[in-house]
């Protein structure tokens, strides 16, 4: 049955207008975005299929590459491109919110953004959030990609980036595509090496986060590892 044949009080768009977006399920919100279904399936059915493909995880859907999305039944390139654009807008909105905040010294302030940015990336990414003397965000840089060790993350390049941004402090972050957020011995060694290098140019290392899936990112500062 098409959504237009549903009782008005059960249609996702009408429910959103009456009760606000928070009242809708993930599938209903996606259905509003998809607008139409396919033969034999409503937009809500199609949205449920889409979520099932990604094990119900919006984060995995948000990081899916365009070819994978476009291959899914009822999606195609146009809808896939629209979905990717919407998730990128969400990331940029979060980054603008971070830029507007007065202080990012608290680990809780950046967790949501890092989880959205790195949580479902298929390869390891090493990021630096450069801050000014008031801990306001200057720039978020993806510095290195691939297997992250002391031999692949170069302290001198991190220091050069700090000087380029005239940063007073930095929050580092990287992801574990394995889904396990626990720091390895190599992670701890790398963090110590980077702290020593940054100390030489008076840039404070405030924290280092490990992001793994949709779990709360692990904070080195909270663990007493910095």
C-alpha atoms as a PDB file:
ATOM      1  CA  UNK A   1       0.000   0.000   0.000  1.00  0.00           C
ATOM      2  CA  UNK A   2       1.335   3.440  -0.938  1.00  0.00           C
ATOM      3  CA  UNK A   3       1.850   5.940   1.884  1.00  0.00           C
ATOM      4  CA  UNK A   4      -0.750   8.210   0.282  1.00  0.00           C
ATOM      5  CA  UNK A   5      -3.313   5.481   1.011  1.00  0.00           C
ATOM      6  CA  UNK A   6      -2.459   5.417   4.726  1.00  0.00           C
ATOM      7  CA  UNK A   7      -4.607   7.286   7.263  1.00  0.00           C
ATOM      8  CA  UNK A   8      -3.327  10.862   7.450  1.00  0.00           C
ATOM      9  CA  UNK A   9      -2.353  10.504  11.126  1.00  0.00           C
ATOM     10  CA  UNK A  10       0.001   7.610  10.252  1.00  0.00           C
ATOM     11  CA  UNK A  11       1.838   9.210   7.332  1.00  0.00           C
ATOM     12  CA  UNK A  12       5.425  10.156   8.226  1.00  0.00           C
ATOM     13  CA  UNK A  13       5.239  13.680   6.793  1.00  0.00           C
ATOM     14  CA  UNK A  14       1.979  14.485   8.537  1.00  0.00           C
ATOM     15  CA  UNK A  15       3.307  12.995  11.803  1.00  0.00           C
ATOM     16  CA  UNK A  16       6.404  15.167  11.528  1.00  0.00           C
ATOM     17  CA  UNK A  17       4.316  18.296  10.961  1.00  0.00           C
ATOM     18  CA  UNK A  18       2.073  17.441  13.896  1.00  0.00           C
ATOM     19  CA  UNK A  19       4.642  16.166  16.418  1.00  0.00           C
ATOM     20  CA  UNK A  20       8.098  17.201  15.192  1.00  0.00           C
ATOM     21  CA  UNK A  21      10.951  15.076  13.765  1.00  0.00           C
ATOM     22  CA  UNK A  22      11.925  13.553  17.127  1.00  0.00           C
ATOM     23  CA  UNK A  23       8.620  11.629  17.176  1.00  0.00           C
ATOM     24  CA  UNK A  24       9.531   9.673  14.037  1.00  0.00           C
ATOM     25  CA  UNK A  25      11.556   6.481  13.725  1.00  0.00           C
ATOM     26  CA  UNK A  26      14.742   6.330  11.657  1.00  0.00           C
ATOM     27  CA  UNK A  27      12.831   4.565   8.888  1.00  0.00           C
ATOM     28  CA  UNK A  28      10.083   7.195   8.842  1.00  0.00           C
ATOM     29  CA  UNK A  29      12.627  10.027   8.627  1.00  0.00           C
ATOM     30  CA  UNK A  30      14.399   8.273   5.767  1.00  0.00           C
ATOM     31  CA  UNK A  31      11.053   7.651   4.050  1.00  0.00           C
ATOM     32  CA  UNK A  32      10.316  11.378   4.009  1.00  0.00           C
ATOM     33  CA  UNK A  33      13.676  11.911   2.359  1.00  0.00           C
ATOM     34  CA  UNK A  34      13.224   9.096  -0.182  1.00  0.00           C
ATOM     35  CA  UNK A  35       9.707  10.398  -0.987  1.00  0.00           C
ATOM     36  CA  UNK A  36       8.609   7.396  -3.077  1.00  0.00           C
ATOM     37  CA  UNK A  37       9.026   3.652  -2.881  1.00  0.00           C
ATOM     38  CA  UNK A  38       9.224   1.026  -5.590  1.00  0.00           C
ATOM     39  CA  UNK A  39       6.720  -1.437  -7.006  1.00  0.00           C
ATOM     40  CA  UNK A  40       5.215  -3.359  -4.098  1.00  0.00           C
ATOM     41  CA  UNK A  41       7.011  -1.312  -1.423  1.00  0.00           C
ATOM     42  CA  UNK A  42       6.230   2.017   0.173  1.00  0.00           C
ATOM     43  CA  UNK A  43       8.923   4.576   0.946  1.00  0.00           C
ATOM     44  CA  UNK A  44       8.845   3.365   4.564  1.00  0.00           C
ATOM     45  CA  UNK A  45       9.415  -0.254   3.444  1.00  0.00           C
ATOM     46  CA  UNK A  46      12.280   0.914   1.247  1.00  0.00           C
ATOM     47  CA  UNK A  47      13.760   2.883   4.145  1.00  0.00           C
ATOM     48  CA  UNK A  48      13.541  -0.179   6.405  1.00  0.00           C
ATOM     49  CA  UNK A  49      15.321  -2.278   3.759  1.00  0.00           C
ATOM     50  CA  UNK A  50      18.030   0.378   3.538  1.00  0.00           C
ATOM     51  CA  UNK A  51      18.554   0.401   7.298  1.00  0.00           C
ATOM     52  CA  UNK A  52      18.594  -3.417   7.449  1.00  0.00           C
ATOM     53  CA  UNK A  53      21.372  -3.462   4.840  1.00  0.00           C
ATOM     54  CA  UNK A  54      23.484  -1.434   7.282  1.00  0.00           C
ATOM     55  CA  UNK A  55      22.412  -3.428  10.369  1.00  0.00           C
ATOM     56  CA  UNK A  56      20.208  -0.551  11.535  1.00  0.00           C
ATOM     57  CA  UNK A  57      23.224   1.733  11.991  1.00  0.00           C
ATOM     58  CA  UNK A  58      22.749   5.253  10.664  1.00  0.00           C
ATOM     59  CA  UNK A  59      26.499   5.841  11.051  1.00  0.00           C
ATOM     60  CA  UNK A  60      27.298   3.034   8.597  1.00  0.00           C
ATOM     61  CA  UNK A  61      24.738   4.408   6.168  1.00  0.00           C
ATOM     62  CA  UNK A  62      26.265   7.879   6.502  1.00  0.00           C
ATOM     63  CA  UNK A  63      29.733   6.596   5.564  1.00  0.00           C
ATOM     64  CA  UNK A  64      28.695   4.228   2.769  1.00  0.00           C
ATOM     65  CA  UNK A  65      30.373   4.975  -0.587  1.00  0.00           C
ATOM     66  CA  UNK A  66      28.156   6.168  -3.412  1.00  0.00           C
ATOM     67  CA  UNK A  67      28.553   3.020  -5.578  1.00  0.00           C
ATOM     68  CA  UNK A  68      27.350   0.804  -2.717  1.00  0.00           C
ATOM     69  CA  UNK A  69      24.317   3.003  -2.088  1.00  0.00           C
ATOM     70  CA  UNK A  70      23.489   3.295  -5.780  1.00  0.00           C
ATOM     71  CA  UNK A  71      23.441  -0.501  -6.206  1.00  0.00           C
ATOM     72  CA  UNK A  72      20.749  -0.977  -3.563  1.00  0.00           C
ATOM     73  CA  UNK A  73      17.232  -1.710  -4.897  1.00  0.00           C
ATOM     74  CA  UNK A  74      15.146   1.424  -5.222  1.00  0.00           C
ATOM     75  CA  UNK A  75      18.027   3.838  -4.532  1.00  0.00           C
ATOM     76  CA  UNK A  76      20.046   4.478  -7.688  1.00  0.00           C
ATOM     77  CA  UNK A  77      22.608   7.206  -8.249  1.00  0.00           C
ATOM     78  CA  UNK A  78      20.293  10.197  -7.775  1.00  0.00           C
ATOM     79  CA  UNK A  79      18.986   9.139  -4.357  1.00  0.00           C
ATOM     80  CA  UNK A  80      22.470   7.961  -3.328  1.00  0.00           C
ATOM     81  CA  UNK A  81      23.919  11.365  -4.186  1.00  0.00           C
ATOM     82  CA  UNK A  82      21.143  13.099  -2.250  1.00  0.00           C
ATOM     83  CA  UNK A  83      21.756  10.912   0.807  1.00  0.00           C
ATOM     84  CA  UNK A  84      25.498  11.594   0.720  1.00  0.00           C
ATOM     85  CA  UNK A  85      24.841  15.321   0.426  1.00  0.00           C
ATOM     86  CA  UNK A  86      22.475  15.280   3.404  1.00  0.00           C
ATOM     87  CA  UNK A  87      24.969  13.476   5.636  1.00  0.00           C
ATOM     88  CA  UNK A  88      27.757  15.841   4.596  1.00  0.00           C
ATOM     89  CA  UNK A  89      25.531  18.786   5.513  1.00  0.00           C
ATOM     90  CA  UNK A  90      25.023  17.198   8.951  1.00  0.00           C
ATOM     91  CA  UNK A  91      28.793  16.912   9.429  1.00  0.00           C
ATOM     92  CA  UNK A  92      29.319  20.515   8.391  1.00  0.00           C
ATOM     93  CA  UNK A  93      26.570  21.700  10.724  1.00  0.00           C
ATOM     94  CA  UNK A  94      28.299  19.931  13.614  1.00  0.00           C
ATOM     95  CA  UNK A  95      31.643  21.458  12.636  1.00  0.00           C
ATOM     96  CA  UNK A  96      30.103  24.942  12.508  1.00  0.00           C
ATOM     97  CA  UNK A  97      28.631  24.319  15.959  1.00  0.00           C
ATOM     98  CA  UNK A  98      32.093  23.403  17.179  1.00  0.00           C
ATOM     99  CA  UNK A  99      33.540  26.567  15.651  1.00  0.00           C
ATOM    100  CA  UNK A 100      30.915  28.668  17.441  1.00  0.00           C
ATOM    101  CA  UNK A 101      31.698  27.222  20.860  1.00  0.00           C
ATOM    102  CA  UNK A 102      33.975  29.103  23.199  1.00  0.00           C
ATOM    103  CA  UNK A 103      35.819  26.126  24.591  1.00  0.00           C
ATOM    104  CA  UNK A 104      36.640  22.580  23.453  1.00  0.00           C
ATOM    105  CA  UNK A 105      38.797  21.508  26.381  1.00  0.00           C
ATOM    106  CA  UNK A 106      36.128  19.101  27.691  1.00  0.00           C
ATOM    107  CA  UNK A 107      36.375  15.646  26.028  1.00  0.00           C
ATOM    108  CA  UNK A 108      32.583  15.404  25.771  1.00  0.00           C
ATOM    109  CA  UNK A 109      32.384  18.376  23.413  1.00  0.00           C
ATOM    110  CA  UNK A 110      33.927  16.684  20.394  1.00  0.00           C
ATOM    111  CA  UNK A 111      32.803  13.069  20.772  1.00  0.00           C
ATOM    112  CA  UNK A 112      29.632  13.259  18.675  1.00  0.00           C
ATOM    113  CA  UNK A 113      31.361  14.980  15.794  1.00  0.00           C
ATOM    114  CA  UNK A 114      34.289  12.555  15.794  1.00  0.00           C
ATOM    115  CA  UNK A 115      31.930   9.571  15.890  1.00  0.00           C
ATOM    116  CA  UNK A 116      30.025  10.896  12.877  1.00  0.00           C
ATOM    117  CA  UNK A 117      33.226  11.809  11.048  1.00  0.00           C
ATOM    118  CA  UNK A 118      35.303   8.693  11.713  1.00  0.00           C
ATOM    119  CA  UNK A 119      33.070   6.009  13.190  1.00  0.00           C
ATOM    120  CA  UNK A 120      32.404   4.062   9.998  1.00  0.00           C
ATOM    121  CA  UNK A 121      35.424   4.897   7.853  1.00  0.00           C
ATOM    122  CA  UNK A 122      36.809   1.657   6.349  1.00  0.00           C
ATOM    123  CA  UNK A 123      40.452   2.717   6.669  1.00  0.00           C
ATOM    124  CA  UNK A 124      42.380   4.269   9.528  1.00  0.00           C
ATOM    125  CA  UNK A 125      42.356   8.082   9.546  1.00  0.00           C
ATOM    126  CA  UNK A 126      44.481  10.289  11.777  1.00  0.00           C
ATOM    127  CA  UNK A 127      43.018  13.740  12.498  1.00  0.00           C
ATOM    128  CA  UNK A 128      44.114  16.862  14.305  1.00  0.00           C
ATOM    129  CA  UNK A 129      41.734  19.503  15.665  1.00  0.00           C
ATOM    130  CA  UNK A 130      43.854  22.651  15.919  1.00  0.00           C
ATOM    131  CA  UNK A 131      42.844  25.122  18.627  1.00  0.00           C
ATOM    132  CA  UNK A 132      43.754  28.691  19.506  1.00  0.00           C
ATOM    133  CA  UNK A 133      44.817  29.922  22.950  1.00  0.00           C
ATOM    134  CA  UNK A 134      41.137  30.005  24.058  1.00  0.00           C
ATOM    135  CA  UNK A 135      40.619  26.414  22.851  1.00  0.00           C
ATOM    136  CA  UNK A 136      38.473  27.553  19.914  1.00  0.00           C
ATOM    137  CA  UNK A 137      38.633  25.377  16.838  1.00  0.00           C
ATOM    138  CA  UNK A 138      40.832  26.758  14.065  1.00  0.00           C
ATOM    139  CA  UNK A 139      40.800  23.820  11.677  1.00  0.00           C
ATOM    140  CA  UNK A 140      40.110  20.080  11.572  1.00  0.00           C
ATOM    141  CA  UNK A 141      42.671  18.269   9.400  1.00  0.00           C
ATOM    142  CA  UNK A 142      42.841  14.689   8.177  1.00  0.00           C
ATOM    143  CA  UNK A 143      46.617  14.290   8.255  1.00  0.00           C
ATOM    144  CA  UNK A 144      47.313  10.603   7.547  1.00  0.00           C
ATOM    145  CA  UNK A 145      45.440   7.644   6.085  1.00  0.00           C
ATOM    146  CA  UNK A 146      46.239   3.938   6.321  1.00  0.00           C
ATOM    147  CA  UNK A 147      47.874   1.816   9.009  1.00  0.00           C
ATOM    148  CA  UNK A 148      48.859   4.252  11.733  1.00  0.00           C
ATOM    149  CA  UNK A 149      52.177   3.657  13.485  1.00  0.00           C
ATOM    150  CA  UNK A 150      55.145   5.766  14.494  1.00  0.00           C
ATOM    151  CA  UNK A 151      56.599   5.065  11.071  1.00  0.00           C
ATOM    152  CA  UNK A 152      53.516   6.252   9.167  1.00  0.00           C
ATOM    153  CA  UNK A 153      52.457   9.242  11.322  1.00  0.00           C
ATOM    154  CA  UNK A 154      55.402  11.613  11.141  1.00  0.00           C
ATOM    155  CA  UNK A 155      55.805  13.900  14.184  1.00  0.00           C
ATOM    156  CA  UNK A 156      57.613  16.494  12.082  1.00  0.00           C
ATOM    157  CA  UNK A 157      54.606  16.738   9.731  1.00  0.00           C
ATOM    158  CA  UNK A 158      52.271  17.174  12.704  1.00  0.00           C
ATOM    159  CA  UNK A 159      54.515  19.943  14.053  1.00  0.00           C
ATOM    160  CA  UNK A 160      54.606  21.625  10.633  1.00  0.00           C
ATOM    161  CA  UNK A 161      50.796  21.583  10.511  1.00  0.00           C
ATOM    162  CA  UNK A 162      50.624  23.075  14.027  1.00  0.00           C
ATOM    163  CA  UNK A 163      52.894  25.939  12.992  1.00  0.00           C
ATOM    164  CA  UNK A 164      50.996  26.453   9.725  1.00  0.00           C
ATOM    165  CA  UNK A 165      47.754  26.968  11.671  1.00  0.00           C
ATOM    166  CA  UNK A 166      49.472  28.984  14.417  1.00  0.00           C
ATOM    167  CA  UNK A 167      47.839  26.601  16.896  1.00  0.00           C
ATOM    168  CA  UNK A 168      48.222  26.835  20.651  1.00  0.00           C
ATOM    169  CA  UNK A 169      46.740  23.395  21.357  1.00  0.00           C
ATOM    170  CA  UNK A 170      45.526  20.293  19.579  1.00  0.00           C
ATOM    171  CA  UNK A 171      43.134  17.378  20.028  1.00  0.00           C
ATOM    172  CA  UNK A 172      44.228  14.294  18.097  1.00  0.00           C
ATOM    173  CA  UNK A 173      41.928  11.506  16.940  1.00  0.00           C
ATOM    174  CA  UNK A 174      42.078   8.335  14.934  1.00  0.00           C
ATOM    175  CA  UNK A 175      39.687   5.498  14.218  1.00  0.00           C
ATOM    176  CA  UNK A 176      39.867   1.737  14.641  1.00  0.00           C
ATOM    177  CA  UNK A 177      37.880   0.146  11.789  1.00  0.00           C
ATOM    178  CA  UNK A 178      38.015  -3.117  13.767  1.00  0.00           C
ATOM    179  CA  UNK A 179      35.387  -1.630  16.101  1.00  0.00           C
ATOM    180  CA  UNK A 180      37.590  -2.018  19.198  1.00  0.00           C
ATOM    181  CA  UNK A 181      38.376   1.311  20.867  1.00  0.00           C
ATOM    182  CA  UNK A 182      41.071   0.096  23.278  1.00  0.00           C
ATOM    183  CA  UNK A 183      44.463   1.755  22.653  1.00  0.00           C
ATOM    184  CA  UNK A 184      47.287  -0.494  21.545  1.00  0.00           C
ATOM    185  CA  UNK A 185      50.871  -0.225  22.778  1.00  0.00           C
ATOM    186  CA  UNK A 186      51.678   1.393  19.418  1.00  0.00           C
ATOM    187  CA  UNK A 187      48.907   3.985  19.961  1.00  0.00           C
ATOM    188  CA  UNK A 188      50.381   4.889  23.334  1.00  0.00           C
ATOM    189  CA  UNK A 189      53.943   5.098  21.965  1.00  0.00           C
ATOM    190  CA  UNK A 190      52.770   7.281  19.081  1.00  0.00           C
ATOM    191  CA  UNK A 191      50.905   9.614  21.429  1.00  0.00           C
ATOM    192  CA  UNK A 192      53.962  10.057  23.647  1.00  0.00           C
ATOM    193  CA  UNK A 193      56.157  10.749  20.600  1.00  0.00           C
ATOM    194  CA  UNK A 194      53.720  13.343  19.268  1.00  0.00           C
ATOM    195  CA  UNK A 195      53.424  15.029  22.672  1.00  0.00           C
ATOM    196  CA  UNK A 196      57.224  15.356  22.886  1.00  0.00           C
ATOM    197  CA  UNK A 197      57.375  16.806  19.375  1.00  0.00           C
ATOM    198  CA  UNK A 198      54.549  19.283  20.033  1.00  0.00           C
ATOM    199  CA  UNK A 199      56.107  20.347  23.341  1.00  0.00           C
ATOM    200  CA  UNK A 200      59.135  21.635  21.401  1.00  0.00           C
ATOM    201  CA  UNK A 201      56.921  24.259  19.716  1.00  0.00           C
ATOM    202  CA  UNK A 202      54.764  24.990  22.795  1.00  0.00           C
ATOM    203  CA  UNK A 203      51.609  23.363  21.408  1.00  0.00           C
ATOM    204  CA  UNK A 204      49.592  21.613  24.138  1.00  0.00           C
ATOM    205  CA  UNK A 205      48.247  18.143  23.430  1.00  0.00           C
ATOM    206  CA  UNK A 206      44.864  18.223  25.173  1.00  0.00           C
ATOM    207  CA  UNK A 207      43.616  14.774  24.246  1.00  0.00           C
ATOM    208  CA  UNK A 208      43.810  11.886  21.814  1.00  0.00           C
ATOM    209  CA  UNK A 209      40.585  10.059  20.956  1.00  0.00           C
ATOM    210  CA  UNK A 210      40.109   6.607  19.478  1.00  0.00           C
ATOM    211  CA  UNK A 211      36.868   6.261  17.527  1.00  0.00           C
ATOM    212  CA  UNK A 212      35.417   2.803  16.910  1.00  0.00           C
ATOM    213  CA  UNK A 213      31.983   2.451  15.339  1.00  0.00           C
ATOM    214  CA  UNK A 214      29.150   4.153  17.166  1.00  0.00           C
ATOM    215  CA  UNK A 215      30.532   3.593  20.677  1.00  0.00           C
ATOM    216  CA  UNK A 216      31.614   6.705  22.626  1.00  0.00           C
ATOM    217  CA  UNK A 217      35.178   7.574  21.538  1.00  0.00           C
ATOM    218  CA  UNK A 218      37.879   6.660  24.051  1.00  0.00           C
ATOM    219  CA  UNK A 219      39.751   9.591  25.605  1.00  0.00           C
ATOM    220  CA  UNK A 220      43.471   9.228  26.401  1.00  0.00           C
ATOM    221  CA  UNK A 221      43.179  12.143  28.835  1.00  0.00           C
ATOM    222  CA  UNK A 222      40.397  10.431  30.768  1.00  0.00           C
ATOM    223  CA  UNK A 223      42.484   7.254  30.905  1.00  0.00           C
ATOM    224  CA  UNK A 224      45.465   9.197  32.268  1.00  0.00           C
ATOM    225  CA  UNK A 225      47.534   8.365  29.181  1.00  0.00           C
ATOM    226  CA  UNK A 226      48.525  11.973  28.437  1.00  0.00           C
END
